[in-house]
N, C-alpha and C. Protein backbone atom coordinates (compact mmCIF):
# COMPACT_ATOMS: atom_id res chain seq x y z
N MET A 1 11.96 -8.19 27.23
CA MET A 1 12.16 -7.50 25.98
C MET A 1 11.34 -8.15 24.86
N VAL A 2 11.40 -9.47 24.78
CA VAL A 2 10.65 -10.19 23.75
C VAL A 2 9.15 -10.02 23.99
N HIS A 3 8.74 -10.03 25.25
CA HIS A 3 7.33 -9.87 25.60
C HIS A 3 6.81 -8.50 25.15
N ILE A 4 7.63 -7.46 25.33
CA ILE A 4 7.24 -6.11 24.92
C ILE A 4 7.09 -6.05 23.40
N PHE A 5 8.05 -6.67 22.69
CA PHE A 5 7.97 -6.69 21.23
C PHE A 5 6.73 -7.46 20.77
N ALA A 6 6.46 -8.60 21.39
CA ALA A 6 5.30 -9.41 21.01
C ALA A 6 4.01 -8.63 21.21
N LYS A 7 3.93 -7.88 22.31
CA LYS A 7 2.73 -7.08 22.57
C LYS A 7 2.59 -5.97 21.53
N SER A 8 3.70 -5.32 21.19
CA SER A 8 3.67 -4.27 20.16
C SER A 8 3.27 -4.85 18.80
N ALA A 9 3.80 -6.03 18.47
CA ALA A 9 3.46 -6.67 17.20
C ALA A 9 1.98 -7.04 17.17
N ALA A 10 1.46 -7.52 18.29
CA ALA A 10 0.04 -7.87 18.36
C ALA A 10 -0.83 -6.63 18.16
N ASN A 11 -0.44 -5.51 18.77
CA ASN A 11 -1.18 -4.25 18.59
C ASN A 11 -1.14 -3.80 17.13
N ALA A 12 0.03 -3.91 16.51
CA ALA A 12 0.17 -3.52 15.11
C ALA A 12 -0.70 -4.39 14.21
N LEU A 13 -0.69 -5.68 14.45
CA LEU A 13 -1.52 -6.59 13.65
C LEU A 13 -3.00 -6.30 13.85
N ARG A 14 -3.39 -5.94 15.07
CA ARG A 14 -4.78 -5.58 15.32
C ARG A 14 -5.16 -4.34 14.51
N GLY A 15 -4.24 -3.38 14.40
CA GLY A 15 -4.48 -2.18 13.61
C GLY A 15 -4.63 -2.50 12.13
N ILE A 16 -3.76 -3.37 11.63
CA ILE A 16 -3.85 -3.77 10.22
C ILE A 16 -5.15 -4.51 9.97
N LEU A 17 -5.55 -5.39 10.89
CA LEU A 17 -6.81 -6.12 10.75
C LEU A 17 -8.00 -5.15 10.76
N PHE A 18 -7.93 -4.12 11.60
CA PHE A 18 -8.97 -3.10 11.64
C PHE A 18 -9.15 -2.45 10.26
N VAL A 19 -8.04 -2.07 9.64
CA VAL A 19 -8.10 -1.45 8.31
C VAL A 19 -8.57 -2.47 7.29
N TRP A 20 -8.08 -3.71 7.37
CA TRP A 20 -8.48 -4.77 6.43
C TRP A 20 -10.00 -4.96 6.45
N GLN A 21 -10.58 -4.95 7.64
CA GLN A 21 -12.02 -5.19 7.77
C GLN A 21 -12.87 -4.03 7.27
N ARG A 22 -12.34 -2.81 7.32
CA ARG A 22 -13.15 -1.64 7.04
C ARG A 22 -12.85 -0.91 5.73
N GLN A 23 -11.71 -1.21 5.14
CA GLN A 23 -11.31 -0.45 3.95
C GLN A 23 -11.16 -1.37 2.73
N ARG A 24 -12.14 -1.31 1.86
CA ARG A 24 -12.14 -2.15 0.66
C ARG A 24 -10.90 -1.90 -0.20
N ASN A 25 -10.51 -0.63 -0.36
CA ASN A 25 -9.33 -0.32 -1.19
C ASN A 25 -8.06 -0.94 -0.63
N PHE A 26 -7.93 -0.97 0.69
CA PHE A 26 -6.77 -1.60 1.32
C PHE A 26 -6.73 -3.09 0.95
N ARG A 27 -7.87 -3.77 1.04
CA ARG A 27 -7.92 -5.19 0.69
C ARG A 27 -7.54 -5.41 -0.77
N ILE A 28 -8.08 -4.57 -1.65
CA ILE A 28 -7.77 -4.68 -3.08
C ILE A 28 -6.28 -4.47 -3.32
N GLU A 29 -5.70 -3.45 -2.71
CA GLU A 29 -4.28 -3.15 -2.91
C GLU A 29 -3.38 -4.26 -2.37
N VAL A 30 -3.74 -4.82 -1.23
CA VAL A 30 -2.94 -5.91 -0.67
C VAL A 30 -3.03 -7.15 -1.56
N ILE A 31 -4.22 -7.46 -2.04
CA ILE A 31 -4.40 -8.64 -2.90
C ILE A 31 -3.65 -8.46 -4.23
N ILE A 32 -3.81 -7.31 -4.85
CA ILE A 32 -3.10 -7.06 -6.11
C ILE A 32 -1.60 -7.06 -5.88
N GLY A 33 -1.15 -6.40 -4.82
CA GLY A 33 0.27 -6.35 -4.52
C GLY A 33 0.87 -7.73 -4.28
N THR A 34 0.15 -8.55 -3.54
CA THR A 34 0.62 -9.92 -3.28
C THR A 34 0.70 -10.71 -4.58
N PHE A 35 -0.34 -10.59 -5.41
CA PHE A 35 -0.36 -11.27 -6.70
C PHE A 35 0.83 -10.84 -7.57
N VAL A 36 1.08 -9.53 -7.63
CA VAL A 36 2.17 -9.00 -8.46
C VAL A 36 3.52 -9.50 -7.94
N ILE A 37 3.72 -9.49 -6.64
CA ILE A 37 5.00 -9.95 -6.07
C ILE A 37 5.20 -11.44 -6.37
N ILE A 38 4.16 -12.24 -6.18
CA ILE A 38 4.27 -13.68 -6.48
C ILE A 38 4.56 -13.89 -7.96
N LEU A 39 3.89 -13.13 -8.81
CA LEU A 39 4.10 -13.24 -10.25
C LEU A 39 5.55 -12.91 -10.64
N THR A 40 6.11 -11.86 -10.05
CA THR A 40 7.50 -11.51 -10.38
C THR A 40 8.47 -12.61 -9.95
N ILE A 41 8.15 -13.28 -8.86
CA ILE A 41 9.01 -14.38 -8.41
C ILE A 41 8.85 -15.57 -9.35
N LEU A 42 7.60 -15.91 -9.69
CA LEU A 42 7.36 -17.05 -10.58
C LEU A 42 7.95 -16.82 -11.97
N LEU A 43 7.95 -15.57 -12.44
CA LEU A 43 8.51 -15.26 -13.75
C LEU A 43 10.03 -15.06 -13.70
N GLN A 44 10.59 -15.33 -12.55
CA GLN A 44 12.04 -15.30 -12.34
C GLN A 44 12.65 -13.93 -12.62
N PHE A 45 11.98 -12.91 -12.13
CA PHE A 45 12.57 -11.58 -12.20
C PHE A 45 13.82 -11.58 -11.34
N THR A 46 14.73 -10.67 -11.64
CA THR A 46 15.97 -10.59 -10.86
C THR A 46 15.64 -10.09 -9.45
N TYR A 47 16.60 -10.27 -8.58
CA TYR A 47 16.45 -9.84 -7.20
C TYR A 47 16.07 -8.35 -7.13
N MET A 48 16.78 -7.51 -7.86
CA MET A 48 16.52 -6.07 -7.82
C MET A 48 15.17 -5.71 -8.45
N GLU A 49 14.74 -6.46 -9.43
CA GLU A 49 13.41 -6.22 -10.02
C GLU A 49 12.32 -6.55 -9.00
N VAL A 50 12.48 -7.66 -8.28
CA VAL A 50 11.52 -8.03 -7.25
C VAL A 50 11.52 -6.98 -6.14
N VAL A 51 12.70 -6.53 -5.75
CA VAL A 51 12.80 -5.51 -4.70
C VAL A 51 12.11 -4.22 -5.13
N SER A 52 12.30 -3.81 -6.38
CA SER A 52 11.67 -2.57 -6.83
C SER A 52 10.14 -2.69 -6.82
N ILE A 53 9.63 -3.85 -7.21
CA ILE A 53 8.18 -4.09 -7.16
C ILE A 53 7.71 -4.11 -5.71
N LEU A 54 8.47 -4.77 -4.86
CA LEU A 54 8.11 -4.85 -3.44
C LEU A 54 8.07 -3.46 -2.81
N VAL A 55 9.02 -2.61 -3.14
CA VAL A 55 9.03 -1.25 -2.61
C VAL A 55 7.80 -0.49 -3.12
N ALA A 56 7.50 -0.60 -4.39
CA ALA A 56 6.34 0.11 -4.95
C ALA A 56 5.05 -0.34 -4.27
N VAL A 57 4.88 -1.64 -4.09
CA VAL A 57 3.69 -2.17 -3.44
C VAL A 57 3.63 -1.69 -1.99
N SER A 58 4.76 -1.73 -1.31
CA SER A 58 4.82 -1.32 0.10
C SER A 58 4.44 0.15 0.26
N VAL A 59 4.89 0.99 -0.65
CA VAL A 59 4.57 2.42 -0.58
C VAL A 59 3.06 2.63 -0.73
N VAL A 60 2.45 1.93 -1.66
CA VAL A 60 1.00 2.08 -1.87
C VAL A 60 0.22 1.59 -0.65
N VAL A 61 0.58 0.42 -0.15
CA VAL A 61 -0.12 -0.14 1.01
C VAL A 61 0.09 0.76 2.24
N GLY A 62 1.31 1.24 2.41
CA GLY A 62 1.59 2.14 3.53
C GLY A 62 0.80 3.44 3.41
N ALA A 63 0.70 3.97 2.20
CA ALA A 63 -0.06 5.19 1.99
C ALA A 63 -1.54 4.96 2.30
N GLU A 64 -2.04 3.80 1.95
CA GLU A 64 -3.45 3.49 2.24
C GLU A 64 -3.67 3.38 3.76
N LEU A 65 -2.72 2.81 4.46
CA LEU A 65 -2.82 2.77 5.93
C LEU A 65 -2.82 4.18 6.50
N PHE A 66 -1.93 5.03 5.99
CA PHE A 66 -1.88 6.42 6.43
C PHE A 66 -3.20 7.12 6.12
N ASN A 67 -3.74 6.90 4.95
CA ASN A 67 -5.03 7.47 4.56
C ASN A 67 -6.13 7.05 5.55
N SER A 68 -6.09 5.79 5.95
CA SER A 68 -7.09 5.30 6.91
C SER A 68 -6.94 5.97 8.27
N ILE A 69 -5.69 6.22 8.67
CA ILE A 69 -5.45 6.94 9.93
C ILE A 69 -6.05 8.34 9.87
N VAL A 70 -5.78 9.03 8.79
CA VAL A 70 -6.28 10.40 8.63
C VAL A 70 -7.81 10.40 8.63
N GLU A 71 -8.42 9.48 7.91
CA GLU A 71 -9.89 9.42 7.86
C GLU A 71 -10.49 9.16 9.24
N GLU A 72 -9.92 8.20 9.97
CA GLU A 72 -10.42 7.89 11.31
C GLU A 72 -10.27 9.09 12.24
N LEU A 73 -9.12 9.73 12.16
CA LEU A 73 -8.87 10.90 13.00
C LEU A 73 -9.84 12.03 12.68
N LEU A 74 -10.01 12.31 11.40
CA LEU A 74 -10.90 13.39 11.00
C LEU A 74 -12.36 13.08 11.35
N ASP A 75 -12.77 11.82 11.21
CA ASP A 75 -14.14 11.45 11.57
C ASP A 75 -14.36 11.57 13.07
N THR A 76 -13.30 11.37 13.85
CA THR A 76 -13.41 11.52 15.30
C THR A 76 -13.49 12.99 15.69
N VAL A 77 -12.65 13.81 15.07
CA VAL A 77 -12.61 15.24 15.38
C VAL A 77 -13.88 15.94 14.90
N GLU A 78 -14.34 15.58 13.70
CA GLU A 78 -15.51 16.23 13.11
C GLU A 78 -16.45 15.16 12.53
N PRO A 79 -17.34 14.63 13.38
CA PRO A 79 -18.22 13.54 12.92
C PRO A 79 -19.28 13.96 11.90
N HIS A 80 -19.55 15.25 11.81
CA HIS A 80 -20.55 15.74 10.85
C HIS A 80 -19.84 16.21 9.58
N TYR A 81 -20.61 16.31 8.51
CA TYR A 81 -20.02 16.73 7.24
C TYR A 81 -19.35 18.10 7.38
N SER A 82 -18.15 18.19 6.82
CA SER A 82 -17.42 19.45 6.80
C SER A 82 -16.67 19.55 5.48
N VAL A 83 -16.76 20.70 4.83
CA VAL A 83 -16.04 20.92 3.58
C VAL A 83 -14.54 20.76 3.80
N HIS A 84 -14.04 21.28 4.91
CA HIS A 84 -12.61 21.23 5.20
C HIS A 84 -12.13 19.79 5.42
N VAL A 85 -12.92 19.04 6.16
CA VAL A 85 -12.57 17.64 6.39
C VAL A 85 -12.62 16.88 5.07
N GLY A 86 -13.62 17.15 4.26
CA GLY A 86 -13.72 16.51 2.95
C GLY A 86 -12.51 16.79 2.09
N ARG A 87 -12.03 18.02 2.12
CA ARG A 87 -10.84 18.37 1.34
C ARG A 87 -9.61 17.59 1.83
N LEU A 88 -9.46 17.51 3.14
CA LEU A 88 -8.31 16.77 3.69
C LEU A 88 -8.37 15.29 3.31
N LYS A 89 -9.56 14.73 3.37
CA LYS A 89 -9.73 13.34 2.95
C LYS A 89 -9.42 13.18 1.46
N ASP A 90 -9.84 14.14 0.67
CA ASP A 90 -9.55 14.10 -0.77
C ASP A 90 -8.05 14.14 -1.02
N VAL A 91 -7.34 14.96 -0.27
CA VAL A 91 -5.90 15.08 -0.44
C VAL A 91 -5.20 13.76 -0.10
N THR A 92 -5.59 13.13 1.00
CA THR A 92 -4.94 11.87 1.35
C THR A 92 -5.31 10.77 0.35
N ALA A 93 -6.55 10.77 -0.11
CA ALA A 93 -6.95 9.80 -1.13
C ALA A 93 -6.20 10.07 -2.43
N GLY A 94 -6.02 11.33 -2.77
CA GLY A 94 -5.25 11.69 -3.96
C GLY A 94 -3.80 11.26 -3.86
N THR A 95 -3.26 11.33 -2.66
CA THR A 95 -1.89 10.86 -2.43
C THR A 95 -1.78 9.37 -2.74
N VAL A 96 -2.74 8.61 -2.26
CA VAL A 96 -2.75 7.16 -2.52
C VAL A 96 -2.88 6.90 -4.02
N LEU A 97 -3.76 7.63 -4.67
CA LEU A 97 -3.95 7.47 -6.12
C LEU A 97 -2.66 7.78 -6.87
N LEU A 98 -2.03 8.89 -6.54
CA LEU A 98 -0.80 9.27 -7.21
C LEU A 98 0.31 8.24 -7.00
N LEU A 99 0.47 7.78 -5.77
CA LEU A 99 1.48 6.76 -5.49
C LEU A 99 1.14 5.44 -6.19
N SER A 100 -0.14 5.13 -6.31
CA SER A 100 -0.56 3.93 -7.05
C SER A 100 -0.19 4.03 -8.52
N LEU A 101 -0.40 5.20 -9.10
CA LEU A 101 -0.04 5.40 -10.50
C LEU A 101 1.47 5.28 -10.70
N PHE A 102 2.25 5.85 -9.79
CA PHE A 102 3.70 5.70 -9.86
C PHE A 102 4.11 4.23 -9.71
N ALA A 103 3.41 3.50 -8.85
CA ALA A 103 3.71 2.07 -8.68
C ALA A 103 3.44 1.31 -9.97
N VAL A 104 2.36 1.66 -10.66
CA VAL A 104 2.07 1.03 -11.96
C VAL A 104 3.18 1.34 -12.95
N VAL A 105 3.64 2.58 -13.00
CA VAL A 105 4.73 2.96 -13.90
C VAL A 105 5.99 2.17 -13.55
N ILE A 106 6.31 2.07 -12.28
CA ILE A 106 7.47 1.27 -11.85
C ILE A 106 7.30 -0.17 -12.30
N GLY A 107 6.10 -0.72 -12.14
CA GLY A 107 5.85 -2.09 -12.56
C GLY A 107 6.02 -2.28 -14.05
N VAL A 108 5.46 -1.37 -14.83
CA VAL A 108 5.57 -1.47 -16.29
C VAL A 108 7.03 -1.35 -16.72
N LEU A 109 7.74 -0.38 -16.17
CA LEU A 109 9.16 -0.22 -16.52
C LEU A 109 9.99 -1.43 -16.11
N THR A 110 9.64 -2.03 -14.98
CA THR A 110 10.36 -3.22 -14.52
C THR A 110 10.11 -4.40 -15.45
N VAL A 111 8.87 -4.56 -15.88
CA VAL A 111 8.55 -5.64 -16.82
C VAL A 111 9.27 -5.42 -18.15
N ILE A 112 9.24 -4.18 -18.65
CA ILE A 112 9.94 -3.88 -19.91
C ILE A 112 11.43 -4.16 -19.76
N HIS A 113 12.01 -3.72 -18.65
CA HIS A 113 13.45 -3.95 -18.42
C HIS A 113 13.74 -5.44 -18.35
N HIS A 114 12.90 -6.18 -17.65
CA HIS A 114 13.13 -7.61 -17.49
C HIS A 114 13.14 -8.32 -18.84
N TYR A 115 12.13 -8.06 -19.65
CA TYR A 115 12.04 -8.77 -20.92
C TYR A 115 13.02 -8.23 -21.96
N THR A 116 13.40 -6.96 -21.86
CA THR A 116 14.45 -6.44 -22.73
C THR A 116 15.79 -7.08 -22.38
N PHE A 117 16.03 -7.21 -21.07
CA PHE A 117 17.28 -7.82 -20.59
C PHE A 117 17.34 -9.30 -20.93
N VAL A 118 16.23 -10.01 -20.79
CA VAL A 118 16.18 -11.45 -21.07
C VAL A 118 16.36 -11.72 -22.55
N LEU A 119 15.80 -10.88 -23.41
CA LEU A 119 15.88 -11.10 -24.85
C LEU A 119 17.25 -10.80 -25.44
N HIS A 120 18.06 -10.03 -24.74
CA HIS A 120 19.38 -9.68 -25.28
C HIS A 120 20.44 -10.55 -24.73
């Protein structure tokens, strides 16, 4: 049982490494997300504030992984330029952008809440 889990974990890590090596936006999002999470801990945000930031970061990183899956799949199915494939890629990229903007809003609201709560 442990061997099966270890093999699955190794496959998953290989997939994440594949995306890390090929997708600049994924690297940027992971680095920014890690920095933000560390910062919230160093600034002594509450447990729930850290969790909310962690969820926001996780959603963005997960969406970027999903975007990479869609891009790889579409490039395999249609290796030549296609308007339809381009639209699908735009939609998944737009999803990542939208979730990133929501993550920023969550971050800003969390910071405002933290310092409003600390000052009172």
